[in-house]
Amino acid sequence: MSRLSWLFGRRTGRDRDGSGEPESESARRRRTREHLAEFTATRVGVEAYIEPPTVDEPTSVLFIATTGEWTRRRVPDASTARAIAKDLSIPVYDVNFTGYPQRMRDWNSARRRNQRESRGS
């Protein structure tokens, strides 16, 4: 566990297999790649969008399908995100230059609307 995660009590990646032991870095990377590969294989027109690191969050990559459905995962750096996208043969963009696609915002809005409606029934 890194010093910062220890300092702030974060337990990210720990106890994934129920053993109580921290998950190894290679296991986390493998799980991230598997998730993104599965997302890409089960959706149409997936594109990758790299989000730069901020004060609070490390670099991350968003995979967005043509429907607007999306998934986000942390990655060590932008070059890792590009390598994952290249391995999966999908286009990759930098959010700083392209912004987020409208289809993602539309999907988020529709999902929030559906959740409100289902709670109101």
PDB file of N, CA and C in Angstrom:
ATOM      1  N   MET A   1       0.852  -1.156   0.000  1.00  0.00           N
ATOM      2  CA  MET A   1       0.000   0.000   0.000  1.00  0.00           C
ATOM      3  C   MET A   1       0.904   1.227   0.000  1.00  0.00           C
ATOM      4  N   SER A   2       0.551   2.203  -0.822  1.00  0.00           N
ATOM      5  CA  SER A   2       1.374   3.406  -0.879  1.00  0.00           C
ATOM      6  C   SER A   2       1.215   4.207   0.408  1.00  0.00           C
ATOM      7  N   ARG A   3       2.158   5.107   0.642  1.00  0.00           N
ATOM      8  CA  ARG A   3       2.096   5.927   1.852  1.00  0.00           C
ATOM      9  C   ARG A   3       0.852   6.792   1.862  1.00  0.00           C
ATOM     10  N   LEU A   4       0.488   7.351   0.718  1.00  0.00           N
ATOM     11  CA  LEU A   4      -0.702   8.203   0.685  1.00  0.00           C
ATOM     12  C   LEU A   4      -1.970   7.409   0.957  1.00  0.00           C
ATOM     13  N   SER A   5      -2.084   6.225   0.364  1.00  0.00           N
ATOM     14  CA  SER A   5      -3.298   5.444   0.607  1.00  0.00           C
ATOM     15  C   SER A   5      -3.369   5.004   2.057  1.00  0.00           C
ATOM     16  N   TRP A   6      -2.201   4.729   2.656  1.00  0.00           N
ATOM     17  CA  TRP A   6      -2.190   4.377   4.075  1.00  0.00           C
ATOM     18  C   TRP A   6      -2.614   5.583   4.903  1.00  0.00           C
ATOM     19  N   LEU A   7      -2.072   6.754   4.543  1.00  0.00           N
ATOM     20  CA  LEU A   7      -2.352   7.960   5.295  1.00  0.00           C
ATOM     21  C   LEU A   7      -3.841   8.289   5.301  1.00  0.00           C
ATOM     22  N   PHE A   8      -4.487   8.130   4.166  1.00  0.00           N
ATOM     23  CA  PHE A   8      -5.899   8.471   4.068  1.00  0.00           C
ATOM     24  C   PHE A   8      -6.822   7.274   4.245  1.00  0.00           C
ATOM     25  N   GLY A   9      -6.274   6.137   4.590  1.00  0.00           N
ATOM     26  CA  GLY A   9      -7.091   4.980   4.917  1.00  0.00           C
ATOM     27  C   GLY A   9      -7.759   4.316   3.737  1.00  0.00           C
ATOM     28  N   ARG A  10      -7.274   4.553   2.550  1.00  0.00           N
ATOM     29  CA  ARG A  10      -7.892   3.943   1.375  1.00  0.00           C
ATOM     30  C   ARG A  10      -7.456   2.507   1.265  1.00  0.00           C
ATOM     31  N   ARG A  11      -8.377   1.647   0.921  1.00  0.00           N
ATOM     32  CA  ARG A  11      -8.086   0.228   0.810  1.00  0.00           C
ATOM     33  C   ARG A  11      -8.344  -0.256  -0.609  1.00  0.00           C
ATOM     34  N   THR A  12      -8.154   0.602  -1.578  1.00  0.00           N
ATOM     35  CA  THR A  12      -8.385   0.274  -2.971  1.00  0.00           C
ATOM     36  C   THR A  12      -7.577  -0.946  -3.371  1.00  0.00           C
ATOM     37  N   GLY A  13      -8.245  -1.910  -3.997  1.00  0.00           N
ATOM     38  CA  GLY A  13      -7.553  -3.080  -4.514  1.00  0.00           C
ATOM     39  C   GLY A  13      -7.258  -4.131  -3.465  1.00  0.00           C
ATOM     40  N   ARG A  14      -7.686  -3.947  -2.238  1.00  0.00           N
ATOM     41  CA  ARG A  14      -7.408  -4.924  -1.197  1.00  0.00           C
ATOM     42  C   ARG A  14      -8.537  -5.938  -1.113  1.00  0.00           C
ATOM     43  N   ASP A  15      -8.165  -7.128  -0.742  1.00  0.00           N
ATOM     44  CA  ASP A  15      -9.134  -8.160  -0.395  1.00  0.00           C
ATOM     45  C   ASP A  15     -10.097  -8.489  -1.526  1.00  0.00           C
ATOM     46  N   ARG A  16      -9.654  -8.423  -2.781  1.00  0.00           N
ATOM     47  CA  ARG A  16     -10.514  -8.744  -3.915  1.00  0.00           C
ATOM     48  C   ARG A  16     -10.909 -10.214  -3.936  1.00  0.00           C
ATOM     49  N   ASP A  17     -10.021 -11.067  -3.489  1.00  0.00           N
ATOM     50  CA  ASP A  17     -10.293 -12.501  -3.536  1.00  0.00           C
ATOM     51  C   ASP A  17     -10.789 -13.043  -2.202  1.00  0.00           C
ATOM     52  N   GLY A  18     -11.023 -12.170  -1.244  1.00  0.00           N
ATOM     53  CA  GLY A  18     -11.526 -12.597   0.051  1.00  0.00           C
ATOM     54  C   GLY A  18     -10.455 -13.114   0.992  1.00  0.00           C
ATOM     55  N   SER A  19      -9.202 -13.042   0.590  1.00  0.00           N
ATOM     56  CA  SER A  19      -8.123 -13.586   1.407  1.00  0.00           C
ATOM     57  C   SER A  19      -7.676 -12.635   2.508  1.00  0.00           C
ATOM     58  N   GLY A  20      -8.058 -11.384   2.416  1.00  0.00           N
ATOM     59  CA  GLY A  20      -7.595 -10.400   3.372  1.00  0.00           C
ATOM     60  C   GLY A  20      -6.239  -9.823   3.003  1.00  0.00           C
ATOM     61  N   GLU A  21      -5.625 -10.336   1.950  1.00  0.00           N
ATOM     62  CA  GLU A  21      -4.322  -9.865   1.493  1.00  0.00           C
ATOM     63  C   GLU A  21      -4.507  -8.783   0.433  1.00  0.00           C
ATOM     64  N   PRO A  22      -3.584  -7.823   0.366  1.00  0.00           N
ATOM     65  CA  PRO A  22      -3.684  -6.801  -0.683  1.00  0.00           C
ATOM     66  C   PRO A  22      -3.514  -7.418  -2.070  1.00  0.00           C
ATOM     67  N   GLU A  23      -4.239  -6.873  -3.013  1.00  0.00           N
ATOM     68  CA  GLU A  23      -4.134  -7.328  -4.399  1.00  0.00           C
ATOM     69  C   GLU A  23      -2.843  -6.771  -4.994  1.00  0.00           C
ATOM     70  N   SER A  24      -2.132  -7.595  -5.745  1.00  0.00           N
ATOM     71  CA  SER A  24      -0.871  -7.142  -6.344  1.00  0.00           C
ATOM     72  C   SER A  24      -1.148  -6.154  -7.470  1.00  0.00           C
ATOM     73  N   GLU A  25      -0.151  -5.348  -7.757  1.00  0.00           N
ATOM     74  CA  GLU A  25      -0.257  -4.370  -8.846  1.00  0.00           C
ATOM     75  C   GLU A  25      -0.537  -5.070 -10.172  1.00  0.00           C
ATOM     76  N   SER A  26       0.149  -6.183 -10.434  1.00  0.00           N
ATOM     77  CA  SER A  26      -0.066  -6.894 -11.698  1.00  0.00           C
ATOM     78  C   SER A  26      -1.474  -7.469 -11.767  1.00  0.00           C
ATOM     79  N   ALA A  27      -2.015  -7.901 -10.646  1.00  0.00           N
ATOM     80  CA  ALA A  27      -3.384  -8.416 -10.636  1.00  0.00           C
ATOM     81  C   ALA A  27      -4.384  -7.302 -10.905  1.00  0.00           C
ATOM     82  N   ARG A  28      -4.152  -6.125 -10.330  1.00  0.00           N
ATOM     83  CA  ARG A  28      -5.040  -4.978 -10.590  1.00  0.00           C
ATOM     84  C   ARG A  28      -4.994  -4.583 -12.059  1.00  0.00           C
ATOM     85  N   ARG A  29      -3.793  -4.547 -12.622  1.00  0.00           N
ATOM     86  CA  ARG A  29      -3.666  -4.186 -14.047  1.00  0.00           C
ATOM     87  C   ARG A  29      -4.355  -5.221 -14.939  1.00  0.00           C
ATOM     88  N   ARG A  30      -4.172  -6.477 -14.623  1.00  0.00           N
ATOM     89  CA  ARG A  30      -4.811  -7.539 -15.399  1.00  0.00           C
ATOM     90  C   ARG A  30      -6.338  -7.431 -15.314  1.00  0.00           C
ATOM     91  N   ARG A  31      -6.851  -7.173 -14.116  1.00  0.00           N
ATOM     92  CA  ARG A  31      -8.300  -7.050 -13.931  1.00  0.00           C
ATOM     93  C   ARG A  31      -8.833  -5.850 -14.710  1.00  0.00           C
ATOM     94  N   THR A  32      -8.100  -4.736 -14.707  1.00  0.00           N
ATOM     95  CA  THR A  32      -8.506  -3.546 -15.463  1.00  0.00           C
ATOM     96  C   THR A  32      -8.545  -3.855 -16.953  1.00  0.00           C
ATOM     97  N   ARG A  33      -7.501  -4.478 -17.472  1.00  0.00           N
ATOM     98  CA  ARG A  33      -7.458  -4.824 -18.901  1.00  0.00           C
ATOM     99  C   ARG A  33      -8.593  -5.778 -19.267  1.00  0.00           C
ATOM    100  N   GLU A  34      -8.851  -6.769 -18.419  1.00  0.00           N
ATOM    101  CA  GLU A  34      -9.940  -7.718 -18.684  1.00  0.00           C
ATOM    102  C   GLU A  34     -11.286  -7.012 -18.716  1.00  0.00           C
ATOM    103  N   HIS A  35     -11.513  -6.097 -17.778  1.00  0.00           N
ATOM    104  CA  HIS A  35     -12.779  -5.363 -17.743  1.00  0.00           C
ATOM    105  C   HIS A  35     -12.965  -4.533 -19.015  1.00  0.00           C
ATOM    106  N   LEU A  36     -11.913  -3.805 -19.401  1.00  0.00           N
ATOM    107  CA  LEU A  36     -12.015  -2.960 -20.587  1.00  0.00           C
ATOM    108  C   LEU A  36     -12.160  -3.784 -21.859  1.00  0.00           C
ATOM    109  N   ALA A  37     -11.499  -4.933 -21.930  1.00  0.00           N
ATOM    110  CA  ALA A  37     -11.642  -5.820 -23.090  1.00  0.00           C
ATOM    111  C   ALA A  37     -13.061  -6.370 -23.166  1.00  0.00           C
ATOM    112  N   GLU A  38     -13.632  -6.744 -22.020  1.00  0.00           N
ATOM    113  CA  GLU A  38     -15.004  -7.268 -21.997  1.00  0.00           C
ATOM    114  C   GLU A  38     -15.993  -6.178 -22.397  1.00  0.00           C
ATOM    115  N   PHE A  39     -15.796  -4.970 -21.906  1.00  0.00           N
ATOM    116  CA  PHE A  39     -16.672  -3.849 -22.259  1.00  0.00           C
ATOM    117  C   PHE A  39     -16.627  -3.621 -23.763  1.00  0.00           C
ATOM    118  N   THR A  40     -15.429  -3.618 -24.332  1.00  0.00           N
ATOM    119  CA  THR A  40     -15.262  -3.396 -25.770  1.00  0.00           C
ATOM    120  C   THR A  40     -15.888  -4.513 -26.593  1.00  0.00           C
ATOM    121  N   ALA A  41     -15.738  -5.745 -26.149  1.00  0.00           N
ATOM    122  CA  ALA A  41     -16.253  -6.896 -26.898  1.00  0.00           C
ATOM    123  C   ALA A  41     -17.776  -6.989 -26.863  1.00  0.00           C
ATOM    124  N   THR A  42     -18.405  -6.403 -25.857  1.00  0.00           N
ATOM    125  CA  THR A  42     -19.854  -6.564 -25.700  1.00  0.00           C
ATOM    126  C   THR A  42     -20.642  -5.306 -26.059  1.00  0.00           C
ATOM    127  N   ARG A  43     -19.965  -4.313 -26.613  1.00  0.00           N
ATOM    128  CA  ARG A  43     -20.636  -3.086 -27.025  1.00  0.00           C
ATOM    129  C   ARG A  43     -20.141  -2.655 -28.396  1.00  0.00           C
ATOM    130  N   VAL A  44     -20.926  -1.806 -29.056  1.00  0.00           N
ATOM    131  CA  VAL A  44     -20.603  -1.365 -30.412  1.00  0.00           C
ATOM    132  C   VAL A  44     -19.924   0.001 -30.367  1.00  0.00           C
ATOM    133  N   GLY A  45     -18.916   0.168 -31.218  1.00  0.00           N
ATOM    134  CA  GLY A  45     -18.311   1.475 -31.439  1.00  0.00           C
ATOM    135  C   GLY A  45     -17.622   2.093 -30.244  1.00  0.00           C
ATOM    136  N   VAL A  46     -16.953   1.305 -29.452  1.00  0.00           N
ATOM    137  CA  VAL A  46     -16.299   1.825 -28.246  1.00  0.00           C
ATOM    138  C   VAL A  46     -15.086   2.672 -28.615  1.00  0.00           C
ATOM    139  N   GLU A  47     -14.959   3.798 -27.918  1.00  0.00           N
ATOM    140  CA  GLU A  47     -13.810   4.687 -28.066  1.00  0.00           C
ATOM    141  C   GLU A  47     -13.242   4.960 -26.683  1.00  0.00           C
ATOM    142  N   ALA A  48     -11.937   5.210 -26.630  1.00  0.00           N
ATOM    143  CA  ALA A  48     -11.264   5.507 -25.360  1.00  0.00           C
ATOM    144  C   ALA A  48     -11.024   7.000 -25.242  1.00  0.00           C
ATOM    145  N   TYR A  49     -11.225   7.537 -24.038  1.00  0.00           N
ATOM    146  CA  TYR A  49     -10.974   8.942 -23.743  1.00  0.00           C
ATOM    147  C   TYR A  49     -10.075   9.007 -22.521  1.00  0.00           C
ATOM    148  N   ILE A  50      -8.903   9.611 -22.682  1.00  0.00           N
ATOM    149  CA  ILE A  50      -7.948   9.717 -21.583  1.00  0.00           C
ATOM    150  C   ILE A  50      -8.258  10.963 -20.765  1.00  0.00           C
ATOM    151  N   GLU A  51      -8.390  10.771 -19.452  1.00  0.00           N
ATOM    152  CA  GLU A  51      -8.584  11.883 -18.531  1.00  0.00           C
ATOM    153  C   GLU A  51      -7.267  12.123 -17.793  1.00  0.00           C
ATOM    154  N   PRO A  52      -6.768  13.344 -17.822  1.00  0.00           N
ATOM    155  CA  PRO A  52      -5.480  13.628 -17.168  1.00  0.00           C
ATOM    156  C   PRO A  52      -5.606  13.534 -15.653  1.00  0.00           C
ATOM    157  N   PRO A  53      -4.488  13.378 -14.985  1.00  0.00           N
ATOM    158  CA  PRO A  53      -4.541  13.344 -13.524  1.00  0.00           C
ATOM    159  C   PRO A  53      -4.932  14.704 -12.961  1.00  0.00           C
ATOM    160  N   THR A  54      -5.559  14.677 -11.808  1.00  0.00           N
ATOM    161  CA  THR A  54      -5.897  15.901 -11.087  1.00  0.00           C
ATOM    162  C   THR A  54      -5.264  15.816  -9.704  1.00  0.00           C
ATOM    163  N   VAL A  55      -5.508  16.797  -8.884  1.00  0.00           N
ATOM    164  CA  VAL A  55      -4.994  16.777  -7.519  1.00  0.00           C
ATOM    165  C   VAL A  55      -5.569  15.575  -6.759  1.00  0.00           C
ATOM    166  N   ASP A  56      -6.828  15.256  -7.027  1.00  0.00           N
ATOM    167  CA  ASP A  56      -7.517  14.189  -6.296  1.00  0.00           C
ATOM    168  C   ASP A  56      -7.446  12.817  -6.947  1.00  0.00           C
ATOM    169  N   GLU A  57      -7.288  12.764  -8.247  1.00  0.00           N
ATOM    170  CA  GLU A  57      -7.393  11.502  -8.978  1.00  0.00           C
ATOM    171  C   GLU A  57      -6.213  11.293  -9.925  1.00  0.00           C
ATOM    172  N   PRO A  58      -5.800  10.036 -10.077  1.00  0.00           N
ATOM    173  CA  PRO A  58      -4.741   9.740 -11.049  1.00  0.00           C
ATOM    174  C   PRO A  58      -5.308   9.739 -12.465  1.00  0.00           C
ATOM    175  N   THR A  59      -4.462   9.524 -13.439  1.00  0.00           N
ATOM    176  CA  THR A  59      -4.901   9.398 -14.826  1.00  0.00           C
ATOM    177  C   THR A  59      -5.934   8.286 -14.924  1.00  0.00           C
ATOM    178  N   SER A  60      -6.958   8.504 -15.730  1.00  0.00           N
ATOM    179  CA  SER A  60      -7.965   7.453 -15.945  1.00  0.00           C
ATOM    180  C   SER A  60      -8.331   7.410 -17.416  1.00  0.00           C
ATOM    181  N   VAL A  61      -8.979   6.323 -17.785  1.00  0.00           N
ATOM    182  CA  VAL A  61      -9.428   6.163 -19.161  1.00  0.00           C
ATOM    183  C   VAL A  61     -10.919   5.814 -19.131  1.00  0.00           C
ATOM    184  N   LEU A  62     -11.673   6.502 -19.976  1.00  0.00           N
ATOM    185  CA  LEU A  62     -13.097   6.234 -20.138  1.00  0.00           C
ATOM    186  C   LEU A  62     -13.279   5.476 -21.443  1.00  0.00           C
ATOM    187  N   PHE A  63     -14.036   4.404 -21.407  1.00  0.00           N
ATOM    188  CA  PHE A  63     -14.432   3.704 -22.624  1.00  0.00           C
ATOM    189  C   PHE A  63     -15.899   4.027 -22.819  1.00  0.00           C
ATOM    190  N   ILE A  64     -16.239   4.568 -23.993  1.00  0.00           N
ATOM    191  CA  ILE A  64     -17.603   5.011 -24.266  1.00  0.00           C
ATOM    192  C   ILE A  64     -18.106   4.334 -25.532  1.00  0.00           C
ATOM    193  N   ALA A  65     -19.264   3.668 -25.420  1.00  0.00           N
ATOM    194  CA  ALA A  65     -19.884   2.994 -26.558  1.00  0.00           C
ATOM    195  C   ALA A  65     -20.739   3.985 -27.352  1.00  0.00           C
ATOM    196  N   THR A  66     -21.199   3.585 -28.525  1.00  0.00           N
ATOM    197  CA  THR A  66     -22.027   4.473 -29.346  1.00  0.00           C
ATOM    198  C   THR A  66     -23.342   4.816 -28.660  1.00  0.00           C
ATOM    199  N   THR A  67     -23.803   3.964 -27.745  1.00  0.00           N
ATOM    200  CA  THR A  67     -25.038   4.235 -26.998  1.00  0.00           C
ATOM    201  C   THR A  67     -24.834   5.301 -25.939  1.00  0.00           C
ATOM    202  N   GLY A  68     -23.569   5.608 -25.614  1.00  0.00           N
ATOM    203  CA  GLY A  68     -23.259   6.551 -24.546  1.00  0.00           C
ATOM    204  C   GLY A  68     -22.908   5.854 -23.248  1.00  0.00           C
ATOM    205  N   GLU A  69     -23.173   4.550 -23.171  1.00  0.00           N
ATOM    206  CA  GLU A  69     -22.793   3.800 -21.973  1.00  0.00           C
ATOM    207  C   GLU A  69     -21.279   3.874 -21.822  1.00  0.00           C
ATOM    208  N   TRP A  70     -20.810   3.965 -20.590  1.00  0.00           N
ATOM    209  CA  TRP A  70     -19.381   4.161 -20.381  1.00  0.00           C
ATOM    210  C   TRP A  70     -18.889   3.425 -19.148  1.00  0.00           C
ATOM    211  N   THR A  71     -17.582   3.261 -19.096  1.00  0.00           N
ATOM    212  CA  THR A  71     -16.905   2.724 -17.921  1.00  0.00           C
ATOM    213  C   THR A  71     -15.584   3.467 -17.763  1.00  0.00           C
ATOM    214  N   ARG A  72     -15.167   3.660 -16.520  1.00  0.00           N
ATOM    215  CA  ARG A  72     -13.933   4.393 -16.231  1.00  0.00           C
ATOM    216  C   ARG A  72     -13.028   3.518 -15.379  1.00  0.00           C
ATOM    217  N   ARG A  73     -11.734   3.562 -15.689  1.00  0.00           N
ATOM    218  CA  ARG A  73     -10.745   2.846 -14.887  1.00  0.00           C
ATOM    219  C   ARG A  73      -9.498   3.709 -14.729  1.00  0.00           C
ATOM    220  N   ARG A  74      -8.878   3.610 -13.574  1.00  0.00           N
ATOM    221  CA  ARG A  74      -7.602   4.280 -13.338  1.00  0.00           C
ATOM    222  C   ARG A  74      -6.513   3.556 -14.101  1.00  0.00           C
ATOM    223  N   VAL A  75      -5.572   4.333 -14.604  1.00  0.00           N
ATOM    224  CA  VAL A  75      -4.402   3.773 -15.281  1.00  0.00           C
ATOM    225  C   VAL A  75      -3.175   4.527 -14.780  1.00  0.00           C
ATOM    226  N   PRO A  76      -1.997   3.914 -14.878  1.00  0.00           N
ATOM    227  CA  PRO A  76      -0.797   4.589 -14.380  1.00  0.00           C
ATOM    228  C   PRO A  76      -0.478   5.897 -15.092  1.00  0.00           C
ATOM    229  N   ASP A  77      -0.742   5.939 -16.409  1.00  0.00           N
ATOM    230  CA  ASP A  77      -0.413   7.139 -17.178  1.00  0.00           C
ATOM    231  C   ASP A  77      -1.101   7.073 -18.539  1.00  0.00           C
ATOM    232  N   ALA A  78      -1.005   8.166 -19.289  1.00  0.00           N
ATOM    233  CA  ALA A  78      -1.663   8.257 -20.598  1.00  0.00           C
ATOM    234  C   ALA A  78      -1.108   7.230 -21.580  1.00  0.00           C
ATOM    235  N   SER A  79       0.183   6.947 -21.518  1.00  0.00           N
ATOM    236  CA  SER A  79       0.755   5.977 -22.462  1.00  0.00           C
ATOM    237  C   SER A  79       0.189   4.576 -22.223  1.00  0.00           C
ATOM    238  N   THR A  80      -0.104   4.236 -20.984  1.00  0.00           N
ATOM    239  CA  THR A  80      -0.745   2.939 -20.692  1.00  0.00           C
ATOM    240  C   THR A  80      -2.147   2.910 -21.284  1.00  0.00           C
ATOM    241  N   ALA A  81      -2.886   4.005 -21.142  1.00  0.00           N
ATOM    242  CA  ALA A  81      -4.233   4.082 -21.713  1.00  0.00           C
ATOM    243  C   ALA A  81      -4.178   3.928 -23.229  1.00  0.00           C
ATOM    244  N   ARG A  82      -3.221   4.583 -23.854  1.00  0.00           N
ATOM    245  CA  ARG A  82      -3.070   4.469 -25.313  1.00  0.00           C
ATOM    246  C   ARG A  82      -2.718   3.036 -25.715  1.00  0.00           C
ATOM    247  N   ALA A  83      -1.864   2.389 -24.943  1.00  0.00           N
ATOM    248  CA  ALA A  83      -1.476   1.008 -25.248  1.00  0.00           C
ATOM    249  C   ALA A  83      -2.670   0.059 -25.135  1.00  0.00           C
ATOM    250  N   ILE A  84      -3.501   0.252 -24.129  1.00  0.00           N
ATOM    251  CA  ILE A  84      -4.694  -0.585 -23.966  1.00  0.00           C
ATOM    252  C   ILE A  84      -5.625  -0.385 -25.159  1.00  0.00           C
ATOM    253  N   ALA A  85      -5.857   0.874 -25.534  1.00  0.00           N
ATOM    254  CA  ALA A  85      -6.728   1.163 -26.681  1.00  0.00           C
ATOM    255  C   ALA A  85      -6.160   0.555 -27.960  1.00  0.00           C
ATOM    256  N   LYS A  86      -4.853   0.655 -28.141  1.00  0.00           N
ATOM    257  CA  LYS A  86      -4.214   0.076 -29.330  1.00  0.00           C
ATOM    258  C   LYS A  86      -4.381  -1.441 -29.344  1.00  0.00           C
ATOM    259  N   ASP A  87      -4.161  -2.094 -28.197  1.00  0.00           N
ATOM    260  CA  ASP A  87      -4.325  -3.545 -28.099  1.00  0.00           C
ATOM    261  C   ASP A  87      -5.745  -3.977 -28.452  1.00  0.00           C
ATOM    262  N   LEU A  88      -6.725  -3.125 -28.105  1.00  0.00           N
ATOM    263  CA  LEU A  88      -8.133  -3.451 -28.375  1.00  0.00           C
ATOM    264  C   LEU A  88      -8.613  -2.894 -29.712  1.00  0.00           C
ATOM    265  N   SER A  89      -7.716  -2.241 -30.442  1.00  0.00           N
ATOM    266  CA  SER A  89      -8.025  -1.672 -31.770  1.00  0.00           C
ATOM    267  C   SER A  89      -9.189  -0.696 -31.738  1.00  0.00           C
ATOM    268  N   ILE A  90      -9.138   0.204 -30.771  1.00  0.00           N
ATOM    269  CA  ILE A  90     -10.178   1.233 -30.701  1.00  0.00           C
ATOM    270  C   ILE A  90      -9.517   2.607 -30.735  1.00  0.00           C
ATOM    271  N   PRO A  91     -10.229   3.612 -31.232  1.00  0.00           N
ATOM    272  CA  PRO A  91      -9.671   4.959 -31.271  1.00  0.00           C
ATOM    273  C   PRO A  91      -9.513   5.517 -29.855  1.00  0.00           C
ATOM    274  N   VAL A  92      -8.535   6.384 -29.691  1.00  0.00           N
ATOM    275  CA  VAL A  92      -8.286   6.991 -28.393  1.00  0.00           C
ATOM    276  C   VAL A  92      -8.167   8.499 -28.556  1.00  0.00           C
ATOM    277  N   TYR A  93      -8.774   9.215 -27.602  1.00  0.00           N
ATOM    278  CA  TYR A  93      -8.788  10.673 -27.638  1.00  0.00           C
ATOM    279  C   TYR A  93      -8.362  11.214 -26.284  1.00  0.00           C
ATOM    280  N   ASP A  94      -7.926  12.461 -26.272  1.00  0.00           N
ATOM    281  CA  ASP A  94      -7.562  13.144 -25.044  1.00  0.00           C
ATOM    282  C   ASP A  94      -8.693  14.108 -24.696  1.00  0.00           C
ATOM    283  N   VAL A  95      -9.291  13.934 -23.526  1.00  0.00           N
ATOM    284  CA  VAL A  95     -10.425  14.751 -23.111  1.00  0.00           C
ATOM    285  C   VAL A  95     -10.079  16.241 -23.096  1.00  0.00           C
ATOM    286  N   ASN A  96      -8.831  16.568 -22.825  1.00  0.00           N
ATOM    287  CA  ASN A  96      -8.441  17.984 -22.827  1.00  0.00           C
ATOM    288  C   ASN A  96      -8.635  18.627 -24.197  1.00  0.00           C
ATOM    289  N   PHE A  97      -8.523  17.844 -25.258  1.00  0.00           N
ATOM    290  CA  PHE A  97      -8.648  18.378 -26.613  1.00  0.00           C
ATOM    291  C   PHE A  97     -10.031  18.166 -27.219  1.00  0.00           C
ATOM    292  N   THR A  98     -10.674  17.054 -26.902  1.00  0.00           N
ATOM    293  CA  THR A  98     -11.949  16.728 -27.544  1.00  0.00           C
ATOM    294  C   THR A  98     -13.163  16.992 -26.676  1.00  0.00           C
ATOM    295  N   GLY A  99     -12.984  17.011 -25.369  1.00  0.00           N
ATOM    296  CA  GLY A  99     -14.124  17.074 -24.462  1.00  0.00           C
ATOM    297  C   GLY A  99     -14.802  15.710 -24.433  1.00  0.00           C
ATOM    298  N   TYR A 100     -15.907  15.631 -23.688  1.00  0.00           N
ATOM    299  CA  TYR A 100     -16.666  14.387 -23.588  1.00  0.00           C
ATOM    300  C   TYR A 100     -17.727  14.372 -24.674  1.00  0.00           C
ATOM    301  N   PRO A 101     -17.989  13.213 -25.267  1.00  0.00           N
ATOM    302  CA  PRO A 101     -18.990  13.171 -26.335  1.00  0.00           C
ATOM    303  C   PRO A 101     -20.412  13.387 -25.792  1.00  0.00           C
ATOM    304  N   GLN A 102     -21.234  14.024 -26.595  1.00  0.00           N
ATOM    305  CA  GLN A 102     -22.618  14.308 -26.213  1.00  0.00           C
ATOM    306  C   GLN A 102     -23.378  13.032 -25.876  1.00  0.00           C
ATOM    307  N   ARG A 103     -23.092  11.952 -26.570  1.00  0.00           N
ATOM    308  CA  ARG A 103     -23.822  10.699 -26.323  1.00  0.00           C
ATOM    309  C   ARG A 103     -23.635  10.217 -24.883  1.00  0.00           C
ATOM    310  N   MET A 104     -22.488  10.503 -24.289  1.00  0.00           N
ATOM    311  CA  MET A 104     -22.260  10.127 -22.897  1.00  0.00           C
ATOM    312  C   MET A 104     -23.149  10.964 -21.969  1.00  0.00           C
ATOM    313  N   ARG A 105     -23.202  12.256 -22.222  1.00  0.00           N
ATOM    314  CA  ARG A 105     -24.065  13.126 -21.403  1.00  0.00           C
ATOM    315  C   ARG A 105     -25.529  12.734 -21.552  1.00  0.00           C
ATOM    316  N   ASP A 106     -25.948  12.398 -22.785  1.00  0.00           N
ATOM    317  CA  ASP A 106     -27.329  11.971 -23.022  1.00  0.00           C
ATOM    318  C   ASP A 106     -27.636  10.685 -22.266  1.00  0.00           C
ATOM    319  N   TRP A 107     -26.705   9.737 -22.285  1.00  0.00           N
ATOM    320  CA  TRP A 107     -26.893   8.467 -21.591  1.00  0.00           C
ATOM    321  C   TRP A 107     -27.002   8.699 -20.086  1.00  0.00           C
ATOM    322  N   ASN A 108     -26.136   9.552 -19.534  1.00  0.00           N
ATOM    323  CA  ASN A 108     -26.186   9.870 -18.102  1.00  0.00           C
ATOM    324  C   ASN A 108     -27.518  10.509 -17.729  1.00  0.00           C
ATOM    325  N   SER A 109     -27.991  11.438 -18.560  1.00  0.00           N
ATOM    326  CA  SER A 109     -29.269  12.110 -18.290  1.00  0.00           C
ATOM    327  C   SER A 109     -30.424  11.120 -18.316  1.00  0.00           C
ATOM    328  N   ALA A 110     -30.436  10.253 -19.315  1.00  0.00           N
ATOM    329  CA  ALA A 110     -31.502   9.257 -19.423  1.00  0.00           C
ATOM    330  C   ALA A 110     -31.476   8.299 -18.235  1.00  0.00           C
ATOM    331  N   ARG A 111     -30.301   7.923 -17.811  1.00  0.00           N
ATOM    332  CA  ARG A 111     -30.173   7.007 -16.676  1.00  0.00           C
ATOM    333  C   ARG A 111     -30.679   7.663 -15.391  1.00  0.00           C
ATOM    334  N   ARG A 112     -30.315   8.921 -15.162  1.00  0.00           N
ATOM    335  CA  ARG A 112     -30.812   9.639 -13.979  1.00  0.00           C
ATOM    336  C   ARG A 112     -32.335   9.769 -14.026  1.00  0.00           C
ATOM    337  N   ARG A 113     -32.861  10.078 -15.200  1.00  0.00           N
ATOM    338  CA  ARG A 113     -34.310  10.218 -15.353  1.00  0.00           C
ATOM    339  C   ARG A 113     -35.008   8.896 -15.041  1.00  0.00           C
ATOM    340  N   ASN A 114     -34.470   7.791 -15.558  1.00  0.00           N
ATOM    341  CA  ASN A 114     -35.053   6.467 -15.292  1.00  0.00           C
ATOM    342  C   ASN A 114     -34.987   6.105 -13.820  1.00  0.00           C
ATOM    343  N   GLN A 115     -33.905   6.467 -13.156  1.00  0.00           N
ATOM    344  CA  GLN A 115     -33.782   6.182 -11.720  1.00  0.00           C
ATOM    345  C   GLN A 115     -34.798   6.978 -10.919  1.00  0.00           C
ATOM    346  N   ARG A 116     -34.983   8.247 -11.284  1.00  0.00           N
ATOM    347  CA  ARG A 116     -35.996   9.069 -10.586  1.00  0.00           C
ATOM    348  C   ARG A 116     -37.397   8.498 -10.787  1.00  0.00           C
ATOM    349  N   GLU A 117     -37.692   8.081 -12.014  1.00  0.00           N
ATOM    350  CA  GLU A 117     -39.009   7.525 -12.319  1.00  0.00           C
ATOM    351  C   GLU A 117     -39.250   6.219 -11.577  1.00  0.00           C
ATOM    352  N   SER A 118     -38.207   5.382 -11.486  1.00  0.00           N
ATOM    353  CA  SER A 118     -38.385   4.092 -10.808  1.00  0.00           C
ATOM    354  C   SER A 118     -38.554   4.283  -9.305  1.00  0.00           C
ATOM    355  N   ARG A 119     -37.938   5.326  -8.728  1.00  0.00           N
ATOM    356  CA  ARG A 119     -38.121   5.608  -7.302  1.00  0.00           C
ATOM    357  C   ARG A 119     -39.506   6.191  -7.025  1.00  0.00           C
ATOM    358  N   GLY A 120     -40.043   6.915  -8.004  1.00  0.00           N
ATOM    359  CA  GLY A 120     -41.337   7.553  -7.829  1.00  0.00           C
ATOM    360  C   GLY A 120     -42.514   6.601  -8.000  1.00  0.00           C
ATOM    361  N   SER A 121     -42.264   5.392  -8.533  1.00  0.00           N
ATOM    362  CA  SER A 121     -43.370   4.464  -8.770  1.00  0.00           C
ATOM    363  C   SER A 121     -43.745   3.704  -7.550  1.00  0.00           C
TER     364      SER A 121
END
